[in-house]
């Protein structure tokens, strides 16, 4: 199964099936690199409205929902490139879950990984040159990185637990991820080469699915600390943990930031149609402070794994103070 049916989801099931920028002013990051936040484009997501999971895209208000894949083999976990021109995704179309890319309109679907194990949860580096992902090819799930064409696949983590759900900081210097190496799932961060591992969250609940804000100052994530999964934010140093959603009867999961950093999309079973055995997961959008929650997908099937496109000026990944070649 792709999705769990209750808030007390079994993490191993998630692992096995991976149910698991017209720019603003220049933002200076702590690493001395420059990034230019984007404006909000489309939201890509996976849905089983066509029986198996396929990738769709829609406007940020839920309109103009368009099907991008038609493989009839479960296409899930879309991830936009920083320039908004490509989507990486996970697909089972050729037998087991592997990583593919395609253009924003669904054309030029290309397989990047090819092995007998499970590769998924792909995310682009801000400069578009690399893709981080999770794989169990070495026995347990670890974080890997590869070039955008699938070459130079390199393992970054090495722990007895499961390392999952990588997400790149907007300056490209760090990768946040979820791991159970210390018991329950927590958020960790490391340098993009796998060095300088640091623990970000510490709670008795499961903290996972990290997603870095466009300005690099906050990480959104999901946690079941309060019983049901809710959306939280935390500073990259672990300070200022804040809960954003408070529905005690339903799960809120898979947070992703908009390109301008003012909104967060997530999936939830609130307003669910429980005649659907899978629980009717839908995509919602809220302001980054947790206010003004709006449902943007409405159908009896599951809509999951949202990814928000950033359009306009791409991320500038050059040394300061002279961002030659950057559009700002």
Protein backbone atom coordinates (compact mmCIF):
# COMPACT_ATOMS: atom_id res chain seq x y z
CA UNK A 1 0.00 0.00 0.00
CA UNK A 2 1.07 3.54 -0.67
CA UNK A 3 -0.77 5.16 2.24
CA UNK A 4 -1.52 4.10 5.77
CA UNK A 5 -5.13 4.10 6.92
CA UNK A 6 -4.69 5.40 10.46
CA UNK A 7 -2.66 7.95 12.39
CA UNK A 8 -0.73 5.15 14.05
CA UNK A 9 0.78 4.20 10.70
CA UNK A 10 3.39 1.47 10.65
CA UNK A 11 6.67 3.09 9.74
CA UNK A 12 8.12 0.00 8.10
CA UNK A 13 5.20 -0.04 5.68
CA UNK A 14 5.93 3.55 4.82
CA UNK A 15 9.59 2.74 4.22
CA UNK A 16 8.96 -0.25 1.98
CA UNK A 17 6.43 1.54 -0.23
CA UNK A 18 7.58 5.12 0.32
CA UNK A 19 4.15 6.05 1.67
CA UNK A 20 7.13 7.02 3.55
CA UNK A 21 11.84 32.31 -8.77
CA UNK A 22 10.24 36.89 -10.40
CA UNK A 23 12.56 37.04 -7.48
CA UNK A 24 12.46 38.94 -4.24
CA UNK A 25 15.37 40.82 -2.70
CA UNK A 26 18.58 38.88 -2.30
CA UNK A 27 18.67 36.78 0.88
CA UNK A 28 22.06 36.26 2.53
CA UNK A 29 22.47 32.86 4.09
CA UNK A 30 24.68 31.80 6.95
CA UNK A 31 26.99 29.96 4.58
CA UNK A 32 27.79 33.05 2.53
CA UNK A 33 25.81 32.00 -0.53
CA UNK A 34 22.97 33.87 -2.16
CA UNK A 35 19.51 32.58 -2.97
CA UNK A 36 16.60 34.25 -4.69
CA UNK A 37 13.19 33.05 -3.46
CA UNK A 38 10.66 32.27 -6.13
CA UNK A 39 7.03 33.01 -6.66
CA UNK A 40 4.33 30.37 -6.35
CA UNK A 41 3.64 28.11 -9.30
CA UNK A 42 1.71 24.88 -9.58
CA UNK A 43 1.39 22.10 -7.02
CA UNK A 44 2.27 18.63 -8.22
CA UNK A 45 0.82 15.65 -6.34
CA UNK A 46 0.12 11.94 -6.60
CA UNK A 47 -3.42 10.60 -6.74
CA UNK A 48 -5.10 7.22 -7.10
CA UNK A 49 -8.27 8.65 -8.67
CA UNK A 50 -7.37 6.58 -11.75
CA UNK A 51 -7.08 3.39 -9.62
CA UNK A 52 -3.28 3.36 -9.55
CA UNK A 53 -1.21 6.36 -8.46
CA UNK A 54 -0.29 8.92 -11.11
CA UNK A 55 1.29 12.39 -10.97
CA UNK A 56 -0.97 15.40 -11.49
CA UNK A 57 -0.39 19.15 -11.31
CA UNK A 58 -2.83 21.90 -10.36
CA UNK A 59 -2.89 25.62 -9.72
CA UNK A 60 -2.33 26.69 -6.13
CA UNK A 61 -6.09 27.22 -5.72
CA UNK A 62 -6.83 23.66 -6.88
CA UNK A 63 -8.01 24.60 -10.36
CA UNK A 64 -6.82 23.19 -13.70
CA UNK A 65 -5.88 19.73 -12.44
CA UNK A 66 -3.87 18.03 -15.18
CA UNK A 67 -2.59 14.47 -15.39
CA UNK A 68 1.14 14.25 -16.16
CA UNK A 69 1.87 10.50 -16.05
CA UNK A 70 0.00 7.48 -17.33
CA UNK A 71 2.19 4.49 -16.53
CA UNK A 72 -0.34 2.33 -14.67
CA UNK A 73 2.38 1.31 -12.24
CA UNK A 74 2.13 3.79 -9.34
CA UNK A 75 3.91 7.11 -9.89
CA UNK A 76 4.36 8.95 -6.57
CA UNK A 77 6.47 11.54 -4.74
CA UNK A 78 6.82 14.34 -7.31
CA UNK A 79 9.52 16.94 -6.63
CA UNK A 80 9.99 20.15 -8.63
CA UNK A 81 13.42 21.31 -9.69
CA UNK A 82 14.38 24.77 -8.39
CA UNK A 83 13.81 26.39 -11.77
CA UNK A 84 10.34 24.84 -12.02
CA UNK A 85 11.09 23.15 -15.34
CA UNK A 86 11.42 19.50 -14.29
CA UNK A 87 9.86 17.02 -11.88
CA UNK A 88 11.62 14.08 -10.26
CA UNK A 89 9.34 11.27 -9.10
CA UNK A 90 9.24 7.67 -7.89
CA UNK A 91 7.64 5.01 -10.08
CA UNK A 92 6.93 1.30 -9.93
CA UNK A 93 6.16 1.14 -13.66
CA UNK A 94 9.09 -1.16 -14.39
CA UNK A 95 8.71 -3.56 -11.47
CA UNK A 96 10.14 -1.92 -8.36
CA UNK A 97 10.27 1.67 -7.13
CA UNK A 98 12.93 3.68 -8.98
CA UNK A 99 13.59 7.37 -9.67
CA UNK A 100 12.54 9.12 -12.87
CA UNK A 101 12.43 12.69 -14.14
CA UNK A 102 10.18 14.46 -16.62
CA UNK A 103 9.51 17.92 -17.95
CA UNK A 104 6.92 20.07 -16.18
CA UNK A 105 4.31 19.12 -18.79
CA UNK A 106 4.92 15.39 -18.36
CA UNK A 107 7.04 14.89 -21.48
CA UNK A 108 10.49 13.25 -21.67
CA UNK A 109 10.00 10.77 -18.83
CA UNK A 110 13.43 9.31 -18.10
CA UNK A 111 14.55 6.61 -15.67
CA UNK A 112 17.58 7.58 -13.55
CA UNK A 113 18.12 4.61 -11.21
CA UNK A 114 18.08 0.96 -12.16
CA UNK A 115 18.56 -1.72 -9.52
CA UNK A 116 16.67 -4.48 -7.74
CA UNK A 117 16.04 -2.42 -4.60
CA UNK A 118 13.84 0.55 -3.69
CA UNK A 119 14.95 4.07 -4.64
CA UNK A 120 12.66 7.02 -3.95
CA UNK A 121 11.96 10.32 -2.18
CA UNK A 122 14.05 12.23 -4.73
CA UNK A 123 14.68 15.96 -4.20
CA UNK A 124 16.66 18.38 -6.37
CA UNK A 125 19.60 20.43 -5.21
CA UNK A 126 18.92 24.19 -5.53
CA UNK A 127 21.33 24.50 -8.46
CA UNK A 128 19.61 21.62 -10.28
CA UNK A 129 22.83 19.67 -10.69
CA UNK A 130 22.15 16.89 -8.17
CA UNK A 131 19.32 14.81 -6.72
CA UNK A 132 19.27 13.42 -3.18
CA UNK A 133 17.22 10.29 -2.52
CA UNK A 134 16.69 7.36 -0.16
CA UNK A 135 17.50 3.75 -0.99
CA UNK A 136 17.71 0.37 0.72
CA UNK A 137 20.26 -1.00 -1.76
CA UNK A 138 22.79 -1.51 1.04
CA UNK A 139 20.44 -3.34 3.39
CA UNK A 140 18.66 -0.53 5.23
CA UNK A 141 17.47 2.87 4.05
CA UNK A 142 20.22 5.47 3.67
CA UNK A 143 20.52 8.89 2.01
CA UNK A 144 22.28 9.03 -1.37
CA UNK A 145 23.04 11.72 -3.91
CA UNK A 146 23.51 11.53 -7.67
CA UNK A 147 24.01 13.88 -10.58
CA UNK A 148 20.81 15.05 -12.27
CA UNK A 149 21.34 12.56 -15.10
CA UNK A 150 21.55 9.62 -12.66
CA UNK A 151 25.33 9.28 -12.70
CA UNK A 152 27.76 9.32 -9.75
CA UNK A 153 25.39 7.75 -7.21
CA UNK A 154 27.02 8.23 -3.81
CA UNK A 155 25.99 7.14 -0.32
CA UNK A 156 25.97 9.94 2.28
CA UNK A 157 24.75 8.26 5.49
CA UNK A 158 25.67 5.03 7.20
CA UNK A 159 23.58 4.10 10.22
CA UNK A 160 21.92 0.93 11.53
CA UNK A 161 18.56 2.72 11.43
CA UNK A 162 16.54 4.04 8.49
CA UNK A 163 17.52 7.42 7.02
CA UNK A 164 14.70 8.83 4.87
CA UNK A 165 13.04 11.89 3.32
CA UNK A 166 16.03 14.08 2.38
CA UNK A 167 15.43 17.78 1.78
CA UNK A 168 18.01 20.29 0.63
CA UNK A 169 18.53 23.67 2.31
CA UNK A 170 17.94 26.58 -0.13
CA UNK A 171 21.64 27.46 -0.19
CA UNK A 172 22.54 23.88 -1.12
CA UNK A 173 24.89 23.54 1.84
CA UNK A 174 22.88 21.09 3.97
CA UNK A 175 20.43 18.21 3.72
CA UNK A 176 17.79 17.59 6.37
CA UNK A 177 16.34 14.09 6.74
CA UNK A 178 14.37 11.84 9.09
CA UNK A 179 16.02 8.95 10.91
CA UNK A 180 15.24 6.44 13.64
CA UNK A 181 18.92 5.80 14.43
CA UNK A 182 18.28 6.91 18.02
CA UNK A 183 14.94 5.14 18.52
CA UNK A 184 11.96 7.10 17.30
CA UNK A 185 12.08 9.20 14.15
CA UNK A 186 13.70 12.62 14.52
CA UNK A 187 14.93 15.32 12.13
CA UNK A 188 18.66 15.52 11.52
CA UNK A 189 20.75 17.72 9.23
CA UNK A 190 24.15 17.24 7.64
CA UNK A 191 26.40 18.95 5.16
CA UNK A 192 25.60 18.14 1.54
CA UNK A 193 28.59 15.77 1.45
CA UNK A 194 27.33 13.81 4.47
CA UNK A 195 29.67 15.38 7.06
CA UNK A 196 28.86 17.30 10.27
CA UNK A 197 25.72 15.41 11.24
CA UNK A 198 23.55 17.27 13.78
CA UNK A 199 20.26 16.40 15.45
CA UNK A 200 17.53 19.03 14.99
CA UNK A 201 14.50 17.68 16.91
CA UNK A 202 14.16 15.81 20.19
CA UNK A 203 10.70 14.61 21.17
CA UNK A 204 8.98 11.43 22.36
CA UNK A 205 6.89 11.48 19.19
CA UNK A 206 7.85 10.70 15.60
CA UNK A 207 9.21 13.79 13.80
CA UNK A 208 9.72 13.36 10.07
CA UNK A 209 9.17 14.71 6.54
CA UNK A 210 11.36 17.84 6.86
CA UNK A 211 10.96 20.63 4.32
CA UNK A 212 13.20 23.70 4.39
CA UNK A 213 11.67 27.18 4.01
CA UNK A 214 12.88 29.22 1.00
CA UNK A 215 14.77 31.66 3.25
CA UNK A 216 16.52 28.83 5.09
CA UNK A 217 15.35 30.03 8.50
CA UNK A 218 12.79 27.33 9.26
CA UNK A 219 12.06 23.66 8.66
CA UNK A 220 8.46 22.44 8.41
CA UNK A 221 7.83 18.84 9.44
CA UNK A 222 5.15 16.44 10.67
CA UNK A 223 4.95 15.01 14.17
CA UNK A 224 2.59 12.75 16.09
CA UNK A 225 3.68 14.19 19.44
CA UNK A 226 0.07 15.19 20.13
CA UNK A 227 -1.41 11.83 19.10
CA UNK A 228 -2.47 12.53 15.54
CA UNK A 229 0.10 13.84 13.07
CA UNK A 230 0.22 17.63 12.90
CA UNK A 231 2.37 20.18 11.07
CA UNK A 232 5.18 21.92 12.98
CA UNK A 233 8.07 24.24 12.23
CA UNK A 234 11.47 24.45 13.90
CA UNK A 235 14.62 26.49 13.39
CA UNK A 236 17.51 24.56 11.81
CA UNK A 237 19.34 24.67 15.16
CA UNK A 238 16.37 22.99 16.88
CA UNK A 239 15.04 26.11 18.59
CA UNK A 240 11.55 27.64 18.36
CA UNK A 241 9.57 24.47 17.74
CA UNK A 242 6.02 25.57 16.92
CA UNK A 243 2.85 23.62 16.19
CA UNK A 244 0.82 24.96 13.24
CA UNK A 245 -2.17 22.60 12.94
CA UNK A 246 -4.40 21.45 15.79
CA UNK A 247 -6.94 18.98 14.42
CA UNK A 248 -6.99 16.31 17.13
CA UNK A 249 -9.22 13.94 15.12
CA UNK A 250 -7.33 13.74 11.85
CA UNK A 251 -3.78 13.51 10.53
CA UNK A 252 -2.02 16.46 8.86
CA UNK A 253 1.10 15.38 6.98
CA UNK A 254 3.71 16.06 4.27
CA UNK A 255 4.25 19.83 4.59
CA UNK A 256 5.87 21.73 1.70
CA UNK A 257 6.58 25.47 1.44
CA UNK A 258 5.41 27.74 -1.35
CA UNK A 259 8.09 29.46 -3.42
CA UNK A 260 7.62 32.78 -1.64
CA UNK A 261 7.63 31.16 1.82
CA UNK A 262 4.26 32.61 2.76
CA UNK A 263 2.24 29.38 2.57
CA UNK A 264 2.54 25.68 3.32
CA UNK A 265 0.71 22.90 1.50
CA UNK A 266 0.04 19.62 3.29
CA UNK A 267 -2.12 16.51 3.14
CA UNK A 268 -4.87 15.70 5.60
CA UNK A 269 -7.79 13.40 6.31
CA UNK A 270 -9.84 16.29 7.73
CA UNK A 271 -13.16 16.59 5.85
CA UNK A 272 -12.54 12.98 4.87
CA UNK A 273 -15.00 10.80 3.01
CA UNK A 274 -14.68 7.61 5.00
CA UNK A 275 -16.65 5.58 2.48
CA UNK A 276 -13.24 5.46 0.79
CA UNK A 277 -11.26 2.68 2.46
CA UNK A 278 -7.98 4.58 2.11
CA UNK A 279 -9.23 7.47 4.27
CA UNK A 280 -9.56 10.17 1.61
CA UNK A 281 -6.35 12.16 1.90
CA UNK A 282 -6.60 15.59 0.29
CA UNK A 283 -4.28 18.57 -0.29
CA UNK A 284 -4.71 21.69 1.84
CA UNK A 285 -2.96 25.05 1.89
CA UNK A 286 -2.44 27.39 4.85
CA UNK A 287 -0.46 30.49 5.68
CA UNK A 288 2.98 29.82 7.12
CA UNK A 289 1.69 30.65 10.62
CA UNK A 290 -0.98 27.93 10.39
CA UNK A 291 -3.92 30.25 9.72
CA UNK A 292 -6.45 30.25 6.88
CA UNK A 293 -6.44 26.53 6.11
CA UNK A 294 -8.06 25.86 2.73
CA UNK A 295 -8.82 22.55 1.03
CA UNK A 296 -7.75 22.65 -2.63
CA UNK A 297 -8.36 19.07 -3.81
CA UNK A 298 -11.77 17.46 -3.54
CA UNK A 299 -12.47 13.95 -4.77
CA UNK A 300 -13.15 10.49 -3.29
CA UNK A 301 -9.61 9.31 -3.98
CA UNK A 302 -6.35 10.05 -2.17
CA UNK A 303 -4.36 13.13 -3.20
CA UNK A 304 -0.93 12.95 -1.54
CA UNK A 305 2.73 14.00 -1.76
CA UNK A 306 2.28 17.66 -2.73
CA UNK A 307 5.27 19.54 -4.16
CA UNK A 308 5.10 23.28 -4.78
CA UNK A 309 6.70 24.68 -7.91
CA UNK A 310 8.86 27.78 -7.57
CA UNK A 311 8.90 29.95 -10.70
CA UNK A 312 10.81 33.02 -11.75
CA UNK A 313 14.47 33.52 -10.94
CA UNK A 314 16.29 30.26 -10.14
CA UNK A 315 18.36 29.91 -7.02
CA UNK A 316 21.68 31.77 -7.19
CA UNK A 317 24.46 29.53 -6.00
CA UNK A 318 27.51 31.80 -6.26
CA UNK A 319 29.83 33.38 -3.68
CA UNK A 320 28.88 36.75 -2.28
CA UNK A 321 29.07 39.67 -2.63
CA UNK A 322 29.05 39.63 -6.43
CA UNK A 323 26.23 37.38 -7.71
CA UNK A 324 27.29 37.47 -11.35
CA UNK A 325 24.83 35.65 -13.55
CA UNK A 326 22.03 35.62 -10.95
CA UNK A 327 18.64 37.08 -11.75
CA UNK A 328 17.61 39.17 -8.75
